[in-house]
C-alpha atoms as a PDB file:
ATOM      1  CA  UNK A   1    -163.802  20.419 -18.516  1.00  0.00           C
ATOM      2  CA  UNK A   2    -164.515  23.968 -16.903  1.00  0.00           C
ATOM      3  CA  UNK A   3    -166.482  26.261 -19.040  1.00  0.00           C
ATOM      4  CA  UNK A   4    -164.122  29.258 -17.791  1.00  0.00           C
ATOM      5  CA  UNK A   5    -161.182  27.241 -19.207  1.00  0.00           C
ATOM      6  CA  UNK A   6    -159.223  28.069 -22.464  1.00  0.00           C
ATOM      7  CA  UNK A   7    -159.631  26.439 -25.414  1.00  0.00           C
ATOM      8  CA  UNK A   8    -155.804  25.791 -26.395  1.00  0.00           C
ATOM      9  CA  UNK A   9    -157.187  24.873 -29.710  1.00  0.00           C
ATOM     10  CA  UNK A  10    -158.739  27.633 -30.616  1.00  0.00           C
ATOM     11  CA  UNK A  11    -157.144  30.084 -33.028  1.00  0.00           C
ATOM     12  CA  UNK A  12    -158.198  33.711 -32.443  1.00  0.00           C
ATOM     13  CA  UNK A  13    -157.999  35.938 -35.561  1.00  0.00           C
ATOM     14  CA  UNK A  14    -157.567  39.462 -34.505  1.00  0.00           C
ATOM     15  CA  UNK A  15    -158.357  42.923 -36.294  1.00  0.00           C
ATOM     16  CA  UNK A  16    -154.754  43.183 -36.982  1.00  0.00           C
ATOM     17  CA  UNK A  17    -154.831  39.873 -38.718  1.00  0.00           C
ATOM     18  CA  UNK A  18    -157.914  40.702 -40.998  1.00  0.00           C
ATOM     19  CA  UNK A  19    -156.378  44.072 -41.792  1.00  0.00           C
ATOM     20  CA  UNK A  20    -153.228  42.588 -43.068  1.00  0.00           C
ATOM     21  CA  UNK A  21    -154.635  39.639 -44.874  1.00  0.00           C
ATOM     22  CA  UNK A  22    -157.110  42.307 -46.574  1.00  0.00           C
ATOM     23  CA  UNK A  23    -154.012  44.441 -47.578  1.00  0.00           C
ATOM     24  CA  UNK A  24    -152.348  41.236 -48.729  1.00  0.00           C
ATOM     25  CA  UNK A  25    -155.403  40.664 -51.032  1.00  0.00           C
ATOM     26  CA  UNK A  26    -155.825  43.884 -52.141  1.00  0.00           C
ATOM     27  CA  UNK A  27    -151.968  44.330 -53.307  1.00  0.00           C
ATOM     28  CA  UNK A  28    -152.465  40.661 -54.849  1.00  0.00           C
ATOM     29  CA  UNK A  29    -155.424  42.048 -56.835  1.00  0.00           C
ATOM     30  CA  UNK A  30    -153.426  45.278 -58.078  1.00  0.00           C
ATOM     31  CA  UNK A  31    -150.846  42.966 -59.644  1.00  0.00           C
ATOM     32  CA  UNK A  32    -153.211  40.613 -61.167  1.00  0.00           C
ATOM     33  CA  UNK A  33    -155.409  43.502 -62.838  1.00  0.00           C
ATOM     34  CA  UNK A  34    -152.069  45.079 -64.051  1.00  0.00           C
ATOM     35  CA  UNK A  35    -150.868  42.032 -65.632  1.00  0.00           C
ATOM     36  CA  UNK A  36    -154.261  41.307 -67.152  1.00  0.00           C
ATOM     37  CA  UNK A  37    -154.206  44.758 -68.716  1.00  0.00           C
ATOM     38  CA  UNK A  38    -150.797  43.869 -70.297  1.00  0.00           C
ATOM     39  CA  UNK A  39    -152.109  40.779 -71.724  1.00  0.00           C
ATOM     40  CA  UNK A  40    -155.149  41.660 -73.341  1.00  0.00           C
ATOM     41  CA  UNK A  41    -155.430  42.917 -77.039  1.00  0.00           C
ATOM     42  CA  UNK A  42    -158.730  44.510 -76.572  1.00  0.00           C
ATOM     43  CA  UNK A  43    -158.378  48.099 -75.493  1.00  0.00           C
ATOM     44  CA  UNK A  44    -161.939  48.284 -73.940  1.00  0.00           C
ATOM     45  CA  UNK A  45    -161.328  45.234 -71.629  1.00  0.00           C
ATOM     46  CA  UNK A  46    -157.481  46.556 -71.253  1.00  0.00           C
ATOM     47  CA  UNK A  47    -158.746  49.835 -69.988  1.00  0.00           C
ATOM     48  CA  UNK A  48    -161.293  48.069 -67.651  1.00  0.00           C
ATOM     49  CA  UNK A  49    -158.319  46.289 -65.931  1.00  0.00           C
ATOM     50  CA  UNK A  50    -155.999  49.203 -65.879  1.00  0.00           C
ATOM     51  CA  UNK A  51    -158.870  50.933 -63.916  1.00  0.00           C
ATOM     52  CA  UNK A  52    -159.467  48.368 -61.538  1.00  0.00           C
ATOM     53  CA  UNK A  53    -155.696  48.129 -60.733  1.00  0.00           C
ATOM     54  CA  UNK A  54    -155.722  51.900 -59.916  1.00  0.00           C
ATOM     55  CA  UNK A  55    -159.018  51.379 -57.829  1.00  0.00           C
ATOM     56  CA  UNK A  56    -157.852  48.479 -56.105  1.00  0.00           C
ATOM     57  CA  UNK A  57    -154.202  50.449 -55.523  1.00  0.00           C
ATOM     58  CA  UNK A  58    -156.357  52.991 -53.531  1.00  0.00           C
ATOM     59  CA  UNK A  59    -157.833  50.167 -51.491  1.00  0.00           C
ATOM     60  CA  UNK A  60    -154.683  48.833 -50.795  1.00  0.00           C
ATOM     61  CA  UNK A  61    -153.103  52.156 -49.671  1.00  0.00           C
ATOM     62  CA  UNK A  62    -155.800  52.755 -47.558  1.00  0.00           C
ATOM     63  CA  UNK A  63    -155.789  49.138 -45.907  1.00  0.00           C
ATOM     64  CA  UNK A  64    -151.913  49.706 -45.334  1.00  0.00           C
ATOM     65  CA  UNK A  65    -152.591  53.050 -43.360  1.00  0.00           C
ATOM     66  CA  UNK A  66    -155.140  51.457 -41.300  1.00  0.00           C
ATOM     67  CA  UNK A  67    -153.253  48.410 -40.705  1.00  0.00           C
ATOM     68  CA  UNK A  68    -150.163  50.922 -39.448  1.00  0.00           C
ATOM     69  CA  UNK A  69    -152.467  53.025 -37.379  1.00  0.00           C
ATOM     70  CA  UNK A  70    -153.728  49.827 -35.800  1.00  0.00           C
ATOM     71  CA  UNK A  71    -150.603  48.260 -34.834  1.00  0.00           C
ATOM     72  CA  UNK A  72    -149.454  51.787 -33.634  1.00  0.00           C
ATOM     73  CA  UNK A  73    -152.048  52.094 -31.259  1.00  0.00           C
ATOM     74  CA  UNK A  74    -151.731  48.613 -29.869  1.00  0.00           C
END
């Protein structure tokens, strides 16, 4: 096999792929933290999960903006 030939079994993960995956993961964490905050009776822990959901929501928003910007530049 030539060194310059393309490996057809290789899967390329692009910047877009990574942004998409990060955004999807972030959205899942938002849902999880919100669910935890609604199912926990301890107010201190409930508030921590609510705060985490809000923080992760900001991450998800930023990731989505980056994802759309990157897509539109291509």
